[in-house]
Amino acid sequence: MDRFNTRMQPVMDKVFEECSGRPVDEVRPLLTRHWTADGGNPIPEPHLTQWATAISQGQRIVLQNGG
């Protein structure tokens, strides 16, 4: 899991930099596209909406083991 988080954290950071403060409806597709482009499986609900909402509100997502 640590290896996965290390590989995918830059993806989350890129989406945060591009989308922080933007509407959730704009964040969701960009998050999905970046996440799957770098080898991740699609983000399941409710995580996709939770993460997109947090990014929209200016909160950086930090991937951690166990949630």
N, C-alpha and C. Protein backbone atom coordinates (compact mmCIF):
# COMPACT_ATOMS: atom_id res chain seq x y z
N MET A 1 0.83 -1.19 0.00
CA MET A 1 0.00 0.00 0.00
C MET A 1 0.87 1.25 0.00
N ASP A 2 1.97 1.23 0.74
CA ASP A 2 2.85 2.40 0.76
C ASP A 2 3.37 2.73 -0.63
N ARG A 3 3.72 1.71 -1.39
CA ARG A 3 4.22 1.93 -2.75
C ARG A 3 3.14 2.57 -3.62
N PHE A 4 1.92 2.09 -3.49
CA PHE A 4 0.80 2.66 -4.25
C PHE A 4 0.61 4.13 -3.87
N ASN A 5 0.58 4.42 -2.58
CA ASN A 5 0.39 5.79 -2.12
C ASN A 5 1.51 6.70 -2.62
N THR A 6 2.73 6.21 -2.59
CA THR A 6 3.88 6.98 -3.06
C THR A 6 3.74 7.28 -4.55
N ARG A 7 3.24 6.33 -5.31
CA ARG A 7 3.08 6.51 -6.75
C ARG A 7 1.90 7.42 -7.08
N MET A 8 0.82 7.36 -6.30
CA MET A 8 -0.39 8.09 -6.64
C MET A 8 -0.50 9.46 -5.96
N GLN A 9 0.29 9.72 -4.93
CA GLN A 9 0.21 11.03 -4.26
C GLN A 9 0.50 12.18 -5.22
N PRO A 10 1.50 12.05 -6.11
CA PRO A 10 1.72 13.14 -7.07
C PRO A 10 0.51 13.40 -7.97
N VAL A 11 -0.27 12.36 -8.24
CA VAL A 11 -1.48 12.54 -9.04
C VAL A 11 -2.47 13.40 -8.26
N MET A 12 -2.65 13.07 -6.99
CA MET A 12 -3.57 13.85 -6.16
C MET A 12 -3.09 15.30 -6.06
N ASP A 13 -1.79 15.48 -5.90
CA ASP A 13 -1.25 16.83 -5.78
C ASP A 13 -1.44 17.62 -7.07
N LYS A 14 -1.28 16.96 -8.21
CA LYS A 14 -1.47 17.63 -9.50
C LYS A 14 -2.92 18.08 -9.65
N VAL A 15 -3.86 17.22 -9.30
CA VAL A 15 -5.27 17.58 -9.39
C VAL A 15 -5.57 18.73 -8.42
N PHE A 16 -5.00 18.66 -7.23
CA PHE A 16 -5.20 19.74 -6.26
C PHE A 16 -4.70 21.06 -6.82
N GLU A 17 -3.52 21.07 -7.40
CA GLU A 17 -2.95 22.30 -7.95
C GLU A 17 -3.80 22.84 -9.10
N GLU A 18 -4.33 21.95 -9.93
CA GLU A 18 -5.12 22.37 -11.08
C GLU A 18 -6.55 22.75 -10.72
N CYS A 19 -7.09 22.14 -9.68
CA CYS A 19 -8.53 22.22 -9.46
C CYS A 19 -8.97 22.83 -8.15
N SER A 20 -8.07 23.15 -7.27
CA SER A 20 -8.46 23.70 -5.98
C SER A 20 -9.33 24.92 -6.17
N GLY A 21 -10.49 24.91 -5.55
CA GLY A 21 -11.41 26.02 -5.64
C GLY A 21 -12.39 25.95 -6.80
N ARG A 22 -12.21 25.00 -7.70
CA ARG A 22 -13.13 24.85 -8.82
C ARG A 22 -14.35 24.05 -8.39
N PRO A 23 -15.46 24.14 -9.11
CA PRO A 23 -16.66 23.38 -8.75
C PRO A 23 -16.42 21.87 -8.79
N VAL A 24 -17.11 21.16 -7.93
CA VAL A 24 -16.98 19.71 -7.84
C VAL A 24 -17.21 19.05 -9.20
N ASP A 25 -18.18 19.55 -9.95
CA ASP A 25 -18.50 18.98 -11.26
C ASP A 25 -17.34 19.10 -12.25
N GLU A 26 -16.42 20.02 -12.02
CA GLU A 26 -15.23 20.14 -12.84
C GLU A 26 -14.09 19.29 -12.29
N VAL A 27 -14.03 19.14 -10.98
CA VAL A 27 -12.95 18.38 -10.35
C VAL A 27 -13.10 16.88 -10.62
N ARG A 28 -14.32 16.36 -10.50
CA ARG A 28 -14.56 14.92 -10.63
C ARG A 28 -13.98 14.33 -11.92
N PRO A 29 -14.29 14.85 -13.10
CA PRO A 29 -13.76 14.23 -14.31
C PRO A 29 -12.24 14.37 -14.43
N LEU A 30 -11.69 15.48 -13.97
CA LEU A 30 -10.23 15.64 -14.04
C LEU A 30 -9.53 14.69 -13.07
N LEU A 31 -10.09 14.53 -11.89
CA LEU A 31 -9.54 13.58 -10.94
C LEU A 31 -9.57 12.17 -11.50
N THR A 32 -10.69 11.79 -12.08
CA THR A 32 -10.81 10.46 -12.69
C THR A 32 -9.80 10.27 -13.81
N ARG A 33 -9.70 11.25 -14.68
CA ARG A 33 -8.79 11.13 -15.83
C ARG A 33 -7.34 11.01 -15.39
N HIS A 34 -6.90 11.87 -14.48
CA HIS A 34 -5.51 11.81 -14.02
C HIS A 34 -5.23 10.52 -13.26
N TRP A 35 -6.17 10.12 -12.42
CA TRP A 35 -5.99 8.92 -11.61
C TRP A 35 -5.84 7.67 -12.49
N THR A 36 -6.69 7.51 -13.47
CA THR A 36 -6.64 6.31 -14.31
C THR A 36 -5.50 6.37 -15.32
N ALA A 37 -5.09 7.57 -15.72
CA ALA A 37 -3.99 7.71 -16.69
C ALA A 37 -2.67 7.22 -16.10
N ASP A 38 -2.53 7.32 -14.79
CA ASP A 38 -1.28 6.91 -14.15
C ASP A 38 -1.38 5.51 -13.54
N GLY A 39 -2.30 4.71 -14.05
CA GLY A 39 -2.34 3.31 -13.67
C GLY A 39 -3.30 2.95 -12.56
N GLY A 40 -4.03 3.89 -12.06
CA GLY A 40 -4.97 3.57 -11.01
C GLY A 40 -6.28 3.04 -11.57
N ASN A 41 -6.92 2.17 -10.82
CA ASN A 41 -8.27 1.76 -11.17
C ASN A 41 -9.19 2.94 -10.90
N PRO A 42 -10.36 2.96 -11.52
CA PRO A 42 -11.29 4.06 -11.24
C PRO A 42 -11.55 4.19 -9.74
N ILE A 43 -11.69 5.42 -9.30
CA ILE A 43 -11.95 5.70 -7.89
C ILE A 43 -13.41 5.38 -7.61
N PRO A 44 -13.67 4.49 -6.66
CA PRO A 44 -15.07 4.15 -6.36
C PRO A 44 -15.76 5.25 -5.56
N GLU A 45 -17.07 5.30 -5.72
CA GLU A 45 -17.88 6.15 -4.84
C GLU A 45 -17.87 5.48 -3.47
N PRO A 46 -17.92 6.17 -2.39
CA PRO A 46 -18.10 7.61 -2.29
C PRO A 46 -16.80 8.39 -2.32
N HIS A 47 -15.65 7.69 -2.47
CA HIS A 47 -14.35 8.38 -2.43
C HIS A 47 -14.23 9.45 -3.50
N LEU A 48 -14.69 9.15 -4.70
CA LEU A 48 -14.56 10.12 -5.79
C LEU A 48 -15.24 11.44 -5.42
N THR A 49 -16.45 11.36 -4.95
CA THR A 49 -17.18 12.58 -4.58
C THR A 49 -16.55 13.25 -3.37
N GLN A 50 -16.14 12.47 -2.37
CA GLN A 50 -15.52 13.04 -1.17
C GLN A 50 -14.23 13.77 -1.54
N TRP A 51 -13.38 13.13 -2.33
CA TRP A 51 -12.11 13.74 -2.70
C TRP A 51 -12.32 14.97 -3.59
N ALA A 52 -13.22 14.86 -4.55
CA ALA A 52 -13.49 16.00 -5.43
C ALA A 52 -14.04 17.18 -4.64
N THR A 53 -14.89 16.90 -3.67
CA THR A 53 -15.45 17.95 -2.83
C THR A 53 -14.36 18.61 -2.00
N ALA A 54 -13.50 17.80 -1.41
CA ALA A 54 -12.41 18.35 -0.59
C ALA A 54 -11.49 19.23 -1.44
N ILE A 55 -11.11 18.76 -2.61
CA ILE A 55 -10.24 19.53 -3.50
C ILE A 55 -10.94 20.83 -3.90
N SER A 56 -12.22 20.74 -4.21
CA SER A 56 -12.99 21.93 -4.57
C SER A 56 -12.97 22.96 -3.44
N GLN A 57 -12.95 22.48 -2.21
CA GLN A 57 -12.95 23.36 -1.04
C GLN A 57 -11.55 23.79 -0.61
N GLY A 58 -10.54 23.41 -1.41
CA GLY A 58 -9.17 23.83 -1.14
C GLY A 58 -8.42 22.95 -0.16
N GLN A 59 -8.89 21.72 0.04
CA GLN A 59 -8.23 20.79 0.95
C GLN A 59 -7.38 19.80 0.16
N ARG A 60 -6.12 19.69 0.51
CA ARG A 60 -5.21 18.74 -0.13
C ARG A 60 -5.48 17.35 0.42
N ILE A 61 -5.60 16.38 -0.45
CA ILE A 61 -5.80 14.98 -0.06
C ILE A 61 -4.44 14.34 0.11
N VAL A 62 -4.23 13.68 1.25
CA VAL A 62 -3.00 12.94 1.49
C VAL A 62 -3.37 11.47 1.64
N LEU A 63 -2.87 10.65 0.73
CA LEU A 63 -3.16 9.22 0.77
C LEU A 63 -2.42 8.57 1.91
N GLN A 64 -3.14 7.77 2.68
CA GLN A 64 -2.56 7.08 3.83
C GLN A 64 -3.10 5.66 3.88
N ASN A 65 -2.34 4.78 4.48
CA ASN A 65 -2.82 3.41 4.68
C ASN A 65 -3.97 3.43 5.66
N GLY A 66 -4.98 2.64 5.37
CA GLY A 66 -6.12 2.55 6.26
C GLY A 66 -7.08 3.72 6.15
N GLY A 67 -6.97 4.51 5.07
CA GLY A 67 -7.92 5.61 4.89
C GLY A 67 -7.32 6.85 5.18
